[in-house]
Amino acid sequence: MRYNHEGVKKEKNKLCNICGRGFAANRTLTNHLRTHSGSRPHACSHCGAQFAQRTCMLAHVKRVHADTRRR
């Protein structure tokens, strides 16, 4: 409730061991670490394009393969 209604920011205590940037959630830190490693574990099932984050892959499928999904 404090984060949503009172404007209190979550503590960014999960730190990147490479650049020192802080994050409030472990998932966000994990996604950030992929920028340093170049890892792209999420692949498009239609064209094989690879993405660091699942949300980016899903947006790609929705945007690029919209006609393919309808069939």
Protein backbone atom coordinates (compact mmCIF):
# COMPACT_ATOMS: atom_id res chain seq x y z
CA MET A 1 0.00 0.00 0.00
CA ARG A 2 2.81 2.41 0.81
CA TYR A 3 4.44 1.91 -2.61
CA ASN A 4 1.22 2.42 -4.58
CA HIS A 5 -0.64 5.05 -2.59
CA GLU A 6 1.92 7.02 -0.61
CA GLY A 7 4.61 7.33 -3.27
CA VAL A 8 7.26 5.52 -1.23
CA LYS A 9 9.94 4.10 -3.53
CA LYS A 10 11.07 0.50 -3.12
CA GLU A 11 14.64 0.13 -1.89
CA LYS A 12 17.04 -0.76 -4.71
CA ASN A 13 19.21 -3.11 -2.69
CA LYS A 14 19.83 -5.76 -5.38
CA LEU A 15 23.09 -4.55 -6.93
CA CYS A 16 24.71 -5.49 -10.23
CA ASN A 17 28.16 -6.88 -9.48
CA ILE A 18 29.46 -5.52 -12.81
CA CYS A 19 28.30 -1.88 -12.94
CA GLY A 20 26.86 -1.32 -9.46
CA ARG A 21 23.38 -0.29 -10.59
CA GLY A 22 20.64 -1.06 -8.04
CA PHE A 23 17.28 -2.77 -8.54
CA ALA A 24 14.26 -3.36 -6.32
CA ALA A 25 13.45 -6.84 -7.70
CA ASN A 26 15.59 -9.89 -8.40
CA ARG A 27 13.85 -10.42 -11.76
CA THR A 28 14.83 -6.93 -12.89
CA LEU A 29 18.43 -7.53 -11.84
CA THR A 30 18.46 -10.83 -13.75
CA ASN A 31 17.17 -9.10 -16.89
CA HIS A 32 19.78 -6.34 -16.45
CA LEU A 33 22.63 -8.84 -16.12
CA ARG A 34 21.77 -10.11 -19.60
CA THR A 35 22.84 -6.72 -20.98
CA HIS A 36 26.36 -7.46 -19.77
CA SER A 37 26.51 -11.12 -20.83
CA GLY A 38 24.71 -10.77 -24.16
CA SER A 39 22.50 -13.75 -23.29
CA ARG A 40 19.29 -13.98 -25.33
CA PRO A 41 17.40 -17.02 -24.01
CA HIS A 42 13.98 -16.22 -25.52
CA ALA A 43 13.57 -17.20 -29.18
CA CYS A 44 10.68 -16.46 -31.52
CA SER A 45 9.02 -19.69 -32.60
CA HIS A 46 8.17 -18.18 -36.00
CA CYS A 47 11.50 -16.75 -37.19
CA GLY A 48 14.08 -17.67 -34.57
CA ALA A 49 14.88 -14.08 -33.55
CA GLN A 50 16.33 -14.05 -30.03
CA PHE A 51 15.57 -11.70 -27.16
CA ALA A 52 16.96 -11.05 -23.69
CA GLN A 53 13.51 -10.58 -22.16
CA ARG A 54 10.34 -12.60 -22.65
CA THR A 55 8.21 -9.46 -22.88
CA CYS A 56 10.30 -8.20 -25.80
CA MET A 57 9.87 -11.53 -27.59
CA LEU A 58 6.09 -11.45 -27.04
CA ALA A 59 5.89 -7.87 -28.35
CA HIS A 60 7.89 -8.95 -31.42
CA VAL A 61 5.50 -11.84 -32.11
CA LYS A 62 2.50 -9.56 -31.71
CA ARG A 63 3.95 -6.83 -33.93
CA VAL A 64 5.77 -8.80 -36.64
CA HIS A 65 3.84 -12.06 -36.81
CA ALA A 66 0.29 -10.81 -36.19
CA ASP A 67 -1.02 -12.47 -39.37
CA THR A 68 0.74 -15.75 -38.60
CA ARG A 69 -0.79 -15.94 -35.10
CA ARG A 70 -4.35 -15.69 -36.43
CA ARG A 71 -4.07 -18.80 -38.60
